[in-house]
Amino acid sequence: SAFVFPSQKPKSELVRTSLRLLTSSAYRLQSECRKALPAEPSPAPDIQLVTQQVIQCAYDIAKAAKQLVTITTKENNN
């Protein structure tokens, strides 16, 4: 968010919500990807489930990014 809003905290609650979704989805994506590459002793993951979770995280990231673009474009045009 530092690059999107270099000198101010985002005023819009929608922007804050989108940034939170983006951040939490990115953490979840990282976690799910780690599950897909387990350490040797652990049991093999349910690849189908992990794949579904990765797809959901990627979708949430794209959704949050789209919201940010839409909101900031509107704010910059006002």
Protein backbone atom coordinates (compact mmCIF):
# COMPACT_ATOMS: atom_id res chain seq x y z
CA SER A 1 0.00 0.00 0.00
CA ALA A 2 2.98 2.33 0.43
CA PHE A 3 3.32 2.63 -3.32
CA VAL A 4 -0.38 3.28 -3.91
CA PHE A 5 -0.64 5.88 -1.16
CA PRO A 6 2.89 7.24 -0.67
CA SER A 7 2.25 10.12 1.73
CA GLN A 8 -1.10 9.45 3.37
CA LYS A 9 -3.19 6.82 5.01
CA PRO A 10 -6.07 5.81 2.79
CA LYS A 11 -9.14 7.76 3.84
CA SER A 12 -11.68 5.52 2.22
CA GLU A 13 -12.98 2.59 4.25
CA LEU A 14 -13.41 0.74 0.93
CA VAL A 15 -9.71 1.18 0.23
CA ARG A 16 -8.78 -0.09 3.69
CA THR A 17 -11.09 -3.09 3.25
CA SER A 18 -9.57 -3.89 -0.15
CA LEU A 19 -6.05 -3.61 1.23
CA ARG A 20 -6.94 -5.93 4.11
CA LEU A 21 -8.42 -8.49 1.68
CA LEU A 22 -5.34 -8.24 -0.52
CA THR A 23 -2.96 -8.74 2.40
CA SER A 24 -4.87 -11.60 4.04
CA SER A 25 -5.34 -13.37 0.70
CA ALA A 26 -1.62 -13.10 -0.07
CA TYR A 27 -0.75 -14.65 3.32
CA ARG A 28 -3.29 -17.43 2.73
CA LEU A 29 -1.87 -18.06 -0.75
CA GLN A 30 1.63 -18.39 0.68
CA SER A 31 0.39 -20.79 3.34
CA GLU A 32 -1.53 -22.96 0.85
CA CYS A 33 1.46 -23.13 -1.50
CA ARG A 34 3.66 -24.29 1.39
CA LYS A 35 1.16 -27.11 2.06
CA ALA A 36 1.61 -28.27 -1.52
CA LEU A 37 5.34 -28.74 -0.86
CA PRO A 38 5.40 -30.62 2.45
CA ALA A 39 8.54 -31.63 4.30
CA GLU A 40 9.48 -35.30 3.87
CA PRO A 41 8.08 -36.78 7.12
CA SER A 42 4.63 -35.21 6.83
CA PRO A 43 1.79 -36.98 5.02
CA ALA A 44 1.08 -35.98 1.44
CA PRO A 45 -1.41 -33.12 1.20
CA ASP A 46 -4.80 -33.41 -0.46
CA ILE A 47 -3.65 -31.82 -3.70
CA GLN A 48 -7.18 -31.26 -4.98
CA LEU A 49 -8.12 -29.36 -1.81
CA VAL A 50 -4.89 -27.34 -1.82
CA THR A 51 -5.42 -26.50 -5.50
CA GLN A 52 -8.96 -25.27 -4.78
CA GLN A 53 -7.65 -23.11 -1.92
CA VAL A 54 -4.88 -21.65 -4.11
CA ILE A 55 -7.42 -20.82 -6.82
CA GLN A 56 -9.70 -19.16 -4.24
CA CYS A 57 -6.80 -17.10 -2.82
CA ALA A 58 -5.75 -16.00 -6.30
CA TYR A 59 -9.34 -15.00 -7.06
CA ASP A 60 -9.54 -12.98 -3.82
CA ILE A 61 -6.26 -11.22 -4.67
CA ALA A 62 -7.52 -10.33 -8.14
CA LYS A 63 -10.85 -9.13 -6.70
CA ALA A 64 -9.13 -6.90 -4.13
CA ALA A 65 -6.75 -5.51 -6.76
CA LYS A 66 -9.67 -4.71 -9.06
CA GLN A 67 -11.49 -2.95 -6.19
CA LEU A 68 -8.40 -0.86 -5.46
CA VAL A 69 -8.00 0.17 -9.09
CA THR A 70 -11.69 1.08 -9.34
CA ILE A 71 -11.71 3.07 -6.09
CA THR A 72 -8.45 4.92 -6.67
CA THR A 73 -9.42 5.77 -10.26
CA LYS A 74 -12.70 7.27 -9.01
CA GLU A 75 -10.93 9.18 -6.20
CA ASN A 76 -8.26 10.54 -8.55
CA ASN A 77 -10.89 11.73 -11.03
CA ASN A 78 -12.79 13.71 -8.37
